[in-house]
Amino acid sequence: MGRSSSRQRTGRRGAAKSKSPKSAASPGVVRRIEPYEILDEAGLIAVEGTAERILSEVGVEIRDDEPSLQLFREAGAQVTGTRVRFEPGMCRSIIQASAPSTFTQHARNPERSVEIGGDNIVFVPAYGAPFVRASDIERRYARLEDFETIVKLAYLSPHMHHSGGTVCEPTDVPVSKRHLAMVHAHLRLSDKPYMGGVTSGERAEDSIRMTEIVFGEKFVSENCCVLGLINVNSPLVLDGTMLAALRVYAAAGQGTVITPFVIGGAGGPVTSAGMLAQSLAEILAGIALTQLVRPGAPVIFGYLSTGLNMKSGAPVRYDETWKCFLAAGQLARRLGVPFRCGSATSAAKLPDYQAGLESALNFEAALLSGAHFMIHASGNVEGGLCVDLDKLLLDCEMLGMAARFAGGIDTSQAALAFDAIKEAGPGGNFLVTAHTLKRYRDAFFASDLFDTTPYEHWRDAGELTSTEQARTRRLALLNAYKPPPMDQSIAEALDDFVRTRKSELPDSFS
């Protein structure tokens, strides 16, 4: 990928000036609990063996992308037309020879940079919804103003570590220019890590150019500063649009998230084991390609699957999906790369009991799977077709609780509190012990939205529902929002780039 000599070639540009004030936001969660392992060794070997058979006997289709076919051909794969087959173990060997097990995605505020992989967990907003709603907004097609609102709310949440990517589809912006508006919003309205455009190679290039303006070309050439979410067209198809974006990001040393989306009974087998085997084959092919483009390119093993309601045709995310999350986490750990799966998703149409239950159970499965990068961690309703702005805030409360849960139990001498127990004695009161006074402020998670007061207090305060509480909180946050500072020269260069590129591109909504 060519680089113009006129571009900025210094290190991280204006990092100190771009740095926002320190906030309560964590750069990520450090896991202190072990992932749940649902498959035994025999089960894992069976899934992996079937994936290898799929790759060698069935193969994957590489559509409309000759450069990818050539890379596989040169690596020794059997290429027949657009069908690519691999010797057993070939993709795994390519991946394990160079793909990193952990990597840092840098944010323009260094305090917001995140570690992806290892014991780290990164919470990421919803992705890709064409609709938006809230208790005071009737469901409608999302607009750029909604996109900007979600970016602001993710920035303001101490429980959200990442700004996300296409947090909703700003349908009032032409598709040809949409990536510019979205990445511009992430860079100007937040200083957390973000994802770029993936709907063409050119749009991925623009995303990297904008990243270079803010971080500096030299810094971007040496560090991961932007991610691209690359979806596999299940079953077993990698199409030219996604492949072009994959090659751009990987060649630039930027991260990719390779994610099949298998709908059992439609885009894949109806059984969990079959969905896992097919997904693993698709993931192995996609990740191997990133390493053929550039050995060592950061990459994440993504997994999404649902069942299919054969009466309605609607996706179903319940028991089998949860089990697949757990098993996919095991497969990713054996491969040795970071793992991504879905999280707080719900098919509910608004933040009701169904939304809360489904989101919590889906999120719990993702958390216990050992996921490192959790997209759809907030705001998801209608199975991802819509973002609910009130649910976004409610989900963030769950993220705060989950972060503490994932932190495990401190069993240090201080935490065991023997001296406090001795001080209080039988029948005593711990309220005024030195141990309590020192630790009570952060001993337990204190929610800003969930009401735990006595009934009389709740009644006298207006009998507010959690959604009403979230709406009040949302409006207050947005009213007080201030963008993180950015060096003026960088901001002007970024604005100029976006303005110029928009003038060069036609208005197209397809």
Protein backbone atom coordinates (compact mmCIF):
# COMPACT_ATOMS: atom_id res chain seq x y z
CA MET A 1 0.00 0.00 0.00
CA GLY A 2 1.55 3.27 -1.11
CA ARG A 3 2.18 6.18 1.23
CA SER A 4 2.50 9.77 0.04
CA SER A 5 5.73 11.46 1.05
CA SER A 6 3.79 14.63 1.82
CA ARG A 7 1.97 13.00 4.72
CA GLN A 8 2.96 13.58 8.31
CA ARG A 9 5.83 11.25 9.21
CA THR A 10 6.38 12.09 12.85
CA GLY A 11 5.46 9.88 15.76
CA ARG A 12 2.21 10.18 17.65
CA ARG A 13 0.99 13.62 16.60
CA GLY A 14 0.03 16.06 19.33
CA ALA A 15 -0.55 13.26 21.79
CA ALA A 16 -0.27 15.49 24.82
CA LYS A 17 -2.46 18.18 23.32
CA SER A 18 -5.04 15.65 22.17
CA LYS A 19 -5.18 13.93 25.52
CA SER A 20 -8.47 14.41 27.34
CA PRO A 21 -8.78 14.83 31.09
CA LYS A 22 -8.54 11.62 33.08
CA SER A 23 -11.96 10.12 33.70
CA ALA A 24 -13.43 7.14 35.49
CA ALA A 25 -13.21 5.09 32.30
CA SER A 26 -11.12 1.94 32.49
CA PRO A 27 -8.92 0.93 29.54
CA GLY A 28 -10.45 -2.52 29.85
CA VAL A 29 -11.32 -5.29 32.29
CA VAL A 30 -8.70 -7.72 33.56
CA ARG A 31 -10.23 -11.17 33.92
CA ARG A 32 -9.57 -13.01 37.18
CA ILE A 33 -12.03 -15.85 36.59
CA GLU A 34 -11.44 -18.85 34.36
CA PRO A 35 -13.51 -19.27 31.17
CA TYR A 36 -16.00 -22.12 31.19
CA GLU A 37 -14.93 -25.09 29.06
CA ILE A 38 -17.96 -26.88 27.65
CA LEU A 39 -16.13 -29.26 25.30
CA ASP A 40 -13.72 -31.95 26.41
CA GLU A 41 -10.56 -32.76 24.45
CA ALA A 42 -12.32 -35.32 22.28
CA GLY A 43 -15.03 -32.83 21.38
CA LEU A 44 -12.51 -30.15 20.46
CA ILE A 45 -10.53 -32.55 18.30
CA ALA A 46 -13.75 -33.62 16.54
CA VAL A 47 -14.74 -30.02 15.70
CA GLU A 48 -11.23 -29.09 14.59
CA GLY A 49 -10.92 -32.23 12.49
CA THR A 50 -14.21 -31.57 10.74
CA ALA A 51 -13.16 -27.97 10.04
CA GLU A 52 -9.98 -29.27 8.42
CA ARG A 53 -12.01 -31.70 6.29
CA ILE A 54 -14.24 -28.83 5.18
CA LEU A 55 -11.19 -26.80 4.15
CA SER A 56 -9.54 -29.69 2.31
CA GLU A 57 -12.54 -31.44 0.72
CA VAL A 58 -15.08 -28.63 0.26
CA GLY A 59 -12.96 -25.49 0.39
CA VAL A 60 -13.99 -21.86 0.49
CA GLU A 61 -15.15 -19.59 -2.29
CA ILE A 62 -13.07 -16.44 -2.92
CA ARG A 63 -15.28 -14.17 -5.00
CA ASP A 64 -14.21 -11.15 -7.03
CA ASP A 65 -10.75 -10.82 -5.52
CA GLU A 66 -7.87 -12.12 -7.62
CA PRO A 67 -5.18 -10.77 -5.22
CA SER A 68 -6.49 -13.05 -2.46
CA LEU A 69 -6.62 -16.02 -4.81
CA GLN A 70 -3.03 -15.33 -5.81
CA LEU A 71 -1.88 -15.13 -2.18
CA PHE A 72 -3.46 -18.50 -1.43
CA ARG A 73 -2.06 -19.96 -4.65
CA GLU A 74 1.46 -18.83 -3.78
CA ALA A 75 1.09 -20.26 -0.26
CA GLY A 76 0.40 -23.72 -1.70
CA ALA A 77 -3.38 -23.94 -1.58
CA GLN A 78 -5.24 -25.72 -4.37
CA VAL A 79 -7.06 -23.02 -6.36
CA THR A 80 -9.65 -24.11 -8.92
CA GLY A 81 -11.42 -21.13 -10.38
CA THR A 82 -12.67 -19.27 -7.31
CA ARG A 83 -12.68 -22.34 -5.05
CA VAL A 84 -9.74 -22.69 -2.67
CA ARG A 85 -8.90 -25.90 -0.83
CA PHE A 86 -6.22 -26.35 1.80
CA GLU A 87 -4.17 -29.28 2.98
CA PRO A 88 -5.15 -30.27 6.53
CA GLY A 89 -3.37 -28.06 9.04
CA MET A 90 -2.20 -25.53 6.43
CA CYS A 91 -4.26 -22.55 7.62
CA ARG A 92 -3.56 -23.31 11.27
CA SER A 93 0.18 -23.46 10.60
CA ILE A 94 0.14 -20.11 8.78
CA ILE A 95 -1.77 -18.51 11.64
CA GLN A 96 0.29 -19.94 14.47
CA ALA A 97 3.53 -18.94 12.75
CA SER A 98 2.83 -15.21 12.99
CA ALA A 99 -0.58 -14.08 14.30
CA PRO A 100 -0.18 -12.31 17.67
CA SER A 101 -1.92 -13.74 20.73
CA THR A 102 -2.36 -10.24 22.14
CA PHE A 103 -2.04 -6.72 20.78
CA THR A 104 -2.66 -3.13 21.77
CA GLN A 105 -5.17 -0.96 19.97
CA HIS A 106 -4.03 2.59 20.58
CA ALA A 107 -6.46 5.41 21.28
CA ARG A 108 -5.69 9.06 20.58
CA ASN A 109 -5.78 9.49 24.35
CA PRO A 110 -3.08 7.01 25.46
CA GLU A 111 -4.96 6.39 28.71
CA ARG A 112 -7.80 4.89 26.66
CA SER A 113 -5.68 2.40 24.69
CA VAL A 114 -6.85 -1.19 25.12
CA GLU A 115 -5.09 -4.55 25.30
CA ILE A 116 -6.87 -7.19 23.24
CA GLY A 117 -6.17 -10.79 24.19
CA GLY A 118 -4.68 -12.46 27.25
CA ASP A 119 -6.74 -11.77 30.38
CA ASN A 120 -8.25 -8.57 29.00
CA ILE A 121 -11.88 -7.82 28.10
CA VAL A 122 -12.97 -4.86 25.98
CA PHE A 123 -16.63 -3.78 25.88
CA VAL A 124 -17.81 -2.36 22.53
CA PRO A 125 -21.19 -0.78 21.58
CA ALA A 126 -23.78 -2.19 19.17
CA TYR A 127 -22.84 -2.47 15.51
CA GLY A 128 -24.66 -2.08 12.20
CA ALA A 129 -28.27 -1.30 13.17
CA PRO A 130 -30.27 0.61 10.54
CA PHE A 131 -32.86 1.76 13.09
CA VAL A 132 -32.80 3.72 16.33
CA ARG A 133 -35.36 4.31 19.05
CA ALA A 134 -35.75 5.57 22.62
CA SER A 135 -38.59 6.24 25.03
CA ASP A 136 -38.81 9.75 23.57
CA ILE A 137 -37.87 8.83 19.96
CA GLU A 138 -40.21 6.79 17.78
CA ARG A 139 -38.46 3.96 15.95
CA ARG A 140 -37.03 5.28 12.69
CA TYR A 141 -34.13 4.94 10.32
CA ALA A 142 -30.96 6.13 12.03
CA ARG A 143 -29.40 9.45 11.11
CA LEU A 144 -25.95 10.93 11.55
CA GLU A 145 -27.17 12.79 14.63
CA ASP A 146 -28.07 9.42 16.18
CA PHE A 147 -24.65 8.02 15.30
CA GLU A 148 -23.04 11.00 17.00
CA THR A 149 -25.29 10.57 20.05
CA ILE A 150 -24.21 6.94 20.47
CA VAL A 151 -20.54 7.87 20.11
CA LYS A 152 -20.99 10.55 22.78
CA LEU A 153 -22.75 8.18 25.18
CA ALA A 154 -20.08 5.50 24.70
CA TYR A 155 -17.40 8.12 25.32
CA LEU A 156 -19.12 9.29 28.51
CA SER A 157 -19.68 5.81 29.95
CA PRO A 158 -16.99 4.67 32.39
CA HIS A 159 -17.95 1.08 31.55
CA MET A 160 -17.48 1.27 27.77
CA HIS A 161 -13.88 0.86 26.64
CA HIS A 162 -14.30 1.32 22.90
CA SER A 163 -16.13 3.73 20.61
CA GLY A 164 -17.15 0.94 18.22
CA GLY A 165 -17.56 1.15 14.47
CA THR A 166 -20.86 1.45 12.63
CA VAL A 167 -22.74 1.97 15.90
CA CYS A 168 -25.80 2.58 13.72
CA GLU A 169 -26.22 3.23 10.01
CA PRO A 170 -26.52 7.00 9.38
CA THR A 171 -28.95 6.52 6.51
CA ASP A 172 -29.19 10.25 5.76
CA VAL A 173 -25.56 10.19 4.56
CA PRO A 174 -24.80 8.71 1.11
CA VAL A 175 -23.23 5.25 1.36
CA SER A 176 -20.31 6.49 -0.72
CA LYS A 177 -19.48 9.08 1.96
CA ARG A 178 -20.84 7.39 5.07
CA HIS A 179 -17.50 5.97 6.20
CA LEU A 180 -16.01 9.48 6.24
CA ALA A 181 -18.79 10.82 8.45
CA MET A 182 -18.58 7.87 10.84
CA VAL A 183 -14.81 7.81 11.33
CA HIS A 184 -14.82 11.61 11.60
CA ALA A 185 -17.39 11.37 14.40
CA HIS A 186 -15.36 8.74 16.26
CA LEU A 187 -12.22 10.86 16.05
CA ARG A 188 -13.77 14.22 16.92
CA LEU A 189 -16.40 13.24 19.51
CA SER A 190 -14.45 10.58 21.43
CA ASP A 191 -10.87 9.70 22.27
CA LYS A 192 -11.47 5.98 22.72
CA PRO A 193 -10.38 3.32 20.19
CA TYR A 194 -12.63 2.81 17.16
CA MET A 195 -13.28 0.79 14.01
CA GLY A 196 -13.12 2.04 10.43
CA GLY A 197 -15.00 1.52 7.18
CA VAL A 198 -15.07 -1.91 5.54
CA THR A 199 -17.57 -1.60 2.69
CA SER A 200 -14.80 -1.27 0.09
CA GLY A 201 -11.03 -1.24 -0.07
CA GLU A 202 -11.11 2.47 -0.88
CA ARG A 203 -13.18 3.21 2.24
CA ALA A 204 -10.76 1.21 4.34
CA GLU A 205 -7.93 3.29 2.82
CA ASP A 206 -9.77 6.50 3.75
CA SER A 207 -10.19 5.25 7.32
CA ILE A 208 -6.46 4.64 7.60
CA ARG A 209 -5.65 8.04 6.06
CA MET A 210 -7.83 9.73 8.69
CA THR A 211 -6.16 7.67 11.40
CA GLU A 212 -2.73 8.78 10.13
CA ILE A 213 -3.76 12.44 10.26
CA VAL A 214 -4.62 12.11 13.95
CA PHE A 215 -1.91 9.70 15.12
CA GLY A 216 0.85 10.44 12.62
CA GLU A 217 1.81 8.22 9.71
CA LYS A 218 4.92 6.82 11.38
CA PHE A 219 3.03 5.89 14.54
CA VAL A 220 0.29 4.16 12.53
CA SER A 221 2.88 2.26 10.49
CA GLU A 222 4.25 0.77 13.72
CA ASN A 223 1.09 0.36 15.82
CA CYS A 224 -2.51 -0.81 15.59
CA CYS A 225 -4.74 2.27 15.78
CA VAL A 226 -7.91 1.17 13.95
CA LEU A 227 -9.81 -2.10 13.47
CA GLY A 228 -11.93 -3.39 10.60
CA LEU A 229 -14.81 -5.84 11.13
CA ILE A 230 -14.65 -8.39 8.29
CA ASN A 231 -17.75 -10.55 7.91
CA VAL A 232 -17.66 -13.93 6.18
CA ASN A 233 -20.60 -14.56 3.85
CA SER A 234 -21.60 -17.92 5.30
CA PRO A 235 -21.61 -20.61 4.14
CA LEU A 236 -17.96 -20.65 3.07
CA VAL A 237 -17.82 -17.50 0.94
CA LEU A 238 -15.38 -14.61 1.31
CA ASP A 239 -16.52 -11.87 -1.05
CA GLY A 240 -14.52 -9.21 -2.82
CA THR A 241 -15.86 -6.29 -0.79
CA MET A 242 -14.77 -7.73 2.54
CA LEU A 243 -11.55 -9.17 1.15
CA ALA A 244 -10.45 -5.83 -0.28
CA ALA A 245 -10.96 -4.19 3.12
CA LEU A 246 -9.21 -7.09 4.86
CA ARG A 247 -6.16 -6.70 2.65
CA VAL A 248 -5.99 -2.94 3.19
CA TYR A 249 -6.13 -3.18 6.98
CA ALA A 250 -3.76 -6.14 7.22
CA ALA A 251 -1.22 -4.58 4.82
CA ALA A 252 -1.18 -1.45 6.97
CA GLY A 253 -0.61 -3.48 10.14
CA GLN A 254 -4.06 -2.59 11.44
CA GLY A 255 -6.38 -5.06 13.11
CA THR A 256 -9.18 -7.13 11.61
CA VAL A 257 -12.01 -9.03 13.27
CA ILE A 258 -12.81 -12.07 11.10
CA THR A 259 -16.41 -13.05 11.84
CA PRO A 260 -18.70 -15.59 10.18
CA PHE A 261 -22.42 -15.27 10.94
CA VAL A 262 -23.95 -18.71 10.72
CA ILE A 263 -27.73 -19.09 10.97
CA GLY A 264 -28.36 -22.73 11.78
CA GLY A 265 -30.69 -24.27 9.21
CA ALA A 266 -30.12 -21.48 6.67
CA GLY A 267 -26.48 -20.45 6.33
CA GLY A 268 -25.12 -23.49 8.12
CA PRO A 269 -26.01 -26.81 9.75
CA VAL A 270 -28.81 -26.91 12.29
CA THR A 271 -26.60 -28.58 14.92
CA SER A 272 -24.23 -26.72 17.24
CA ALA A 273 -21.27 -28.96 16.38
CA GLY A 274 -21.87 -28.42 12.67
CA MET A 275 -22.13 -24.64 13.08
CA LEU A 276 -18.89 -24.64 15.05
CA ALA A 277 -17.03 -26.73 12.48
CA GLN A 278 -18.19 -24.62 9.54
CA SER A 279 -17.45 -21.36 11.36
CA LEU A 280 -14.00 -22.56 12.35
CA ALA A 281 -13.20 -23.43 8.73
CA GLU A 282 -14.31 -19.96 7.61
CA ILE A 283 -12.33 -18.27 10.37
CA LEU A 284 -9.17 -20.27 9.66
CA ALA A 285 -9.27 -19.26 5.99
CA GLY A 286 -9.89 -15.59 6.80
CA ILE A 287 -7.24 -15.29 9.50
CA ALA A 288 -4.70 -17.18 7.38
CA LEU A 289 -5.23 -14.63 4.61
CA THR A 290 -4.40 -11.74 6.97
CA GLN A 291 -1.08 -13.40 7.75
CA LEU A 292 -0.31 -13.99 4.08
CA VAL A 293 -0.92 -10.29 3.44
CA ARG A 294 1.32 -9.28 6.33
CA PRO A 295 2.75 -11.75 8.84
CA GLY A 296 2.10 -10.50 12.35
CA ALA A 297 -0.91 -8.37 11.42
CA PRO A 298 -3.24 -8.10 14.45
CA VAL A 299 -6.36 -10.22 14.05
CA ILE A 300 -9.30 -11.37 16.17
CA PHE A 301 -11.18 -14.70 15.90
CA GLY A 302 -14.84 -13.62 15.65
CA TYR A 303 -17.84 -15.86 16.20
CA LEU A 304 -21.59 -15.32 15.79
CA SER A 305 -24.28 -17.91 15.31
CA THR A 306 -28.02 -18.21 15.82
CA GLY A 307 -30.69 -20.77 15.37
CA LEU A 308 -33.64 -20.29 13.04
CA ASN A 309 -37.30 -20.31 14.00
CA MET A 310 -38.70 -22.43 11.18
CA LYS A 311 -42.21 -20.99 11.71
CA SER A 312 -41.32 -17.29 11.48
CA GLY A 313 -37.89 -17.35 9.83
CA ALA A 314 -36.53 -15.20 12.65
CA PRO A 315 -33.12 -15.86 14.23
CA VAL A 316 -33.15 -17.44 17.69
CA ARG A 317 -30.36 -16.78 20.19
CA TYR A 318 -30.86 -19.03 23.15
CA ASP A 319 -29.40 -22.26 24.50
CA GLU A 320 -27.49 -23.47 21.46
CA THR A 321 -26.00 -20.02 20.82
CA TRP A 322 -24.75 -19.84 24.41
CA LYS A 323 -23.12 -23.26 24.13
CA CYS A 324 -21.51 -22.28 20.84
CA PHE A 325 -20.05 -19.12 22.40
CA LEU A 326 -18.39 -21.24 25.09
CA ALA A 327 -17.02 -23.76 22.61
CA ALA A 328 -15.83 -21.10 20.16
CA GLY A 329 -13.85 -19.50 22.97
CA GLN A 330 -12.05 -22.79 23.52
CA LEU A 331 -11.30 -23.11 19.80
CA ALA A 332 -9.87 -19.58 19.70
CA ARG A 333 -7.64 -20.21 22.72
CA ARG A 334 -6.28 -23.38 21.08
CA LEU A 335 -5.57 -21.42 17.91
CA GLY A 336 -3.78 -18.77 19.97
CA VAL A 337 -5.50 -15.54 18.88
CA PRO A 338 -7.87 -13.10 20.64
CA PHE A 339 -11.56 -13.99 20.62
CA ARG A 340 -14.66 -11.94 19.83
CA CYS A 341 -18.30 -12.95 20.14
CA GLY A 342 -21.66 -11.23 20.51
CA SER A 343 -22.84 -10.16 23.92
CA ALA A 344 -25.86 -8.19 25.21
CA THR A 345 -28.14 -8.89 22.27
CA SER A 346 -31.91 -9.20 22.42
CA ALA A 347 -34.79 -9.81 20.02
CA ALA A 348 -37.06 -7.61 22.15
CA LYS A 349 -38.45 -4.46 20.58
CA LEU A 350 -37.90 -2.18 23.57
CA PRO A 351 -36.15 -2.35 26.98
CA ASP A 352 -38.64 -4.69 28.68
CA TYR A 353 -38.27 -7.89 30.70
CA GLN A 354 -37.44 -9.89 27.56
CA ALA A 355 -34.70 -7.43 26.64
CA GLY A 356 -33.15 -7.54 30.08
CA LEU A 357 -33.28 -11.32 30.41
CA GLU A 358 -31.98 -12.09 26.92
CA SER A 359 -29.24 -9.48 27.10
CA ALA A 360 -28.06 -10.67 30.51
CA LEU A 361 -28.00 -14.35 29.53
CA ASN A 362 -26.33 -13.72 26.16
CA PHE A 363 -23.80 -11.48 27.86
CA GLU A 364 -23.12 -14.04 30.60
CA ALA A 365 -22.37 -16.72 28.00
CA ALA A 366 -20.02 -14.34 26.19
CA LEU A 367 -18.28 -13.41 29.43
CA LEU A 368 -17.83 -17.04 30.47
CA SER A 369 -16.59 -17.94 26.97
CA GLY A 370 -13.40 -15.98 27.61
CA ALA A 371 -14.20 -13.35 24.97
CA HIS A 372 -11.68 -10.53 24.73
CA PHE A 373 -13.61 -8.18 22.43
CA MET A 374 -17.35 -7.95 23.02
CA ILE A 375 -19.29 -6.10 20.32
CA HIS A 376 -23.02 -5.43 20.92
CA ALA A 377 -22.31 -4.87 24.61
CA SER A 378 -24.90 -2.09 24.81
CA GLY A 379 -28.03 -0.84 23.11
CA ASN A 380 -28.93 -3.88 20.99
CA VAL A 381 -32.62 -4.68 20.38
CA GLU A 382 -34.48 -6.46 17.57
CA GLY A 383 -31.56 -8.86 17.23
CA GLY A 384 -29.27 -6.06 16.11
CA LEU A 385 -31.63 -4.24 13.74
CA CYS A 386 -32.15 -1.36 16.16
CA VAL A 387 -30.28 0.55 18.85
CA ASP A 388 -32.33 1.68 21.83
CA LEU A 389 -30.66 4.69 23.43
CA ASP A 390 -32.16 4.02 26.86
CA LYS A 391 -31.13 0.37 26.79
CA LEU A 392 -27.62 1.53 25.87
CA LEU A 393 -27.33 3.19 29.28
CA LEU A 394 -29.02 0.32 31.11
CA ASP A 395 -26.66 -2.17 29.48
CA CYS A 396 -23.70 -0.06 30.57
CA GLU A 397 -24.80 -0.60 34.17
CA MET A 398 -24.64 -4.34 33.53
CA LEU A 399 -21.14 -3.90 32.11
CA GLY A 400 -20.04 -2.21 35.31
CA MET A 401 -21.37 -5.11 37.35
CA ALA A 402 -19.84 -7.67 35.01
CA ALA A 403 -16.44 -6.00 35.24
CA ARG A 404 -16.48 -6.49 39.00
CA PHE A 405 -17.66 -10.07 38.64
CA ALA A 406 -14.86 -10.84 36.18
CA GLY A 407 -12.38 -9.43 38.66
CA GLY A 408 -12.88 -12.44 40.93
CA ILE A 409 -12.47 -12.42 44.70
CA ASP A 410 -9.57 -10.75 46.48
CA THR A 411 -8.27 -13.13 49.16
CA SER A 412 -5.40 -10.99 50.40
CA GLN A 413 -4.90 -10.63 54.15
CA ALA A 414 -6.44 -7.17 54.04
CA ALA A 415 -9.50 -8.45 52.19
CA LEU A 416 -9.94 -11.39 54.56
CA ALA A 417 -10.50 -8.74 57.25
CA PHE A 418 -9.47 -10.77 60.28
CA ASP A 419 -8.58 -7.64 62.27
CA ALA A 420 -11.98 -6.09 61.51
CA ILE A 421 -13.77 -9.28 62.57
CA LYS A 422 -11.71 -9.32 65.77
CA GLU A 423 -12.41 -5.62 66.38
CA ALA A 424 -16.19 -6.00 66.00
CA GLY A 425 -16.36 -9.28 67.91
CA PRO A 426 -19.44 -11.44 68.49
CA GLY A 427 -22.64 -9.44 68.10
CA GLY A 428 -20.64 -6.36 67.08
CA ASN A 429 -21.19 -3.79 64.34
CA PHE A 430 -18.84 -3.36 61.40
CA LEU A 431 -20.25 0.00 60.35
CA VAL A 432 -17.58 2.08 62.08
CA THR A 433 -14.62 -0.26 61.95
CA ALA A 434 -11.48 1.13 60.33
CA HIS A 435 -11.71 -1.58 57.68
CA THR A 436 -15.22 -0.50 56.65
CA LEU A 437 -14.45 3.21 56.70
CA LYS A 438 -11.45 2.69 54.45
CA ARG A 439 -13.23 0.53 51.86
CA TYR A 440 -16.96 1.20 51.80
CA ARG A 441 -16.93 3.70 48.91
CA ASP A 442 -15.99 1.07 46.35
CA ALA A 443 -16.77 -2.16 48.19
CA PHE A 444 -19.85 -2.81 46.05
CA PHE A 445 -21.11 -1.71 42.65
CA ALA A 446 -23.35 1.35 43.01
CA SER A 447 -25.69 1.74 40.05
CA ASP A 448 -26.67 5.16 38.76
CA LEU A 449 -29.87 3.79 37.22
CA PHE A 450 -31.14 0.69 39.00
CA ASP A 451 -33.36 1.57 41.96
CA THR A 452 -32.51 -0.25 45.19
CA THR A 453 -34.22 2.18 47.59
CA PRO A 454 -37.20 1.26 49.79
CA TYR A 455 -40.63 1.33 48.14
CA GLU A 456 -41.63 4.59 49.85
CA HIS A 457 -38.59 6.43 48.50
CA TRP A 458 -39.28 5.14 44.98
CA ARG A 459 -42.96 6.13 45.23
CA ASP A 460 -42.20 9.62 46.52
CA ALA A 461 -39.60 10.15 43.76
CA GLY A 462 -42.25 9.60 41.08
CA GLU A 463 -42.37 5.81 40.65
CA LEU A 464 -39.89 5.98 37.79
CA THR A 465 -39.19 2.91 35.68
CA SER A 466 -35.63 2.00 34.78
CA THR A 467 -36.26 3.24 31.24
CA GLU A 468 -37.43 6.61 32.57
CA GLN A 469 -34.36 6.79 34.77
CA ALA A 470 -32.19 6.02 31.75
CA ARG A 471 -33.87 8.70 29.64
CA THR A 472 -33.31 11.33 32.33
CA ARG A 473 -29.69 10.26 32.65
CA ARG A 474 -29.19 10.23 28.86
CA LEU A 475 -30.53 13.73 28.38
CA ALA A 476 -28.43 15.06 31.27
CA LEU A 477 -25.27 13.44 29.92
CA LEU A 478 -25.80 14.80 26.42
CA ASN A 479 -26.61 18.25 27.75
CA ALA A 480 -23.33 18.33 29.69
CA TYR A 481 -21.23 16.67 26.96
CA LYS A 482 -18.01 18.34 25.90
CA PRO A 483 -15.81 16.83 23.18
CA PRO A 484 -12.34 15.66 24.19
CA PRO A 485 -9.67 18.18 23.18
CA MET A 486 -7.81 17.79 19.90
CA ASP A 487 -4.86 19.81 18.64
CA GLN A 488 -6.29 22.52 16.38
CA SER A 489 -3.93 21.81 13.49
CA ILE A 490 -4.85 18.12 13.56
CA ALA A 491 -8.56 18.93 13.72
CA GLU A 492 -8.24 21.26 10.74
CA ALA A 493 -6.26 18.70 8.73
CA LEU A 494 -8.86 16.04 9.51
CA ASP A 495 -11.73 18.34 8.55
CA ASP A 496 -9.95 19.28 5.31
CA PHE A 497 -9.40 15.65 4.37
CA VAL A 498 -13.05 14.76 4.94
CA ARG A 499 -14.24 17.83 3.03
CA THR A 500 -11.95 17.06 0.09
CA ARG A 501 -12.85 13.38 -0.09
CA LYS A 502 -16.58 14.15 0.07
CA SER A 503 -16.19 16.55 -2.85
CA GLU A 504 -14.41 13.84 -4.86
CA LEU A 505 -17.02 11.13 -4.28
CA PRO A 506 -20.45 10.92 -5.91
CA ASP A 507 -23.61 10.86 -3.81
CA SER A 508 -24.62 7.21 -3.89
CA PHE A 509 -27.03 5.36 -1.61
CA SER A 510 -26.19 1.92 -2.96
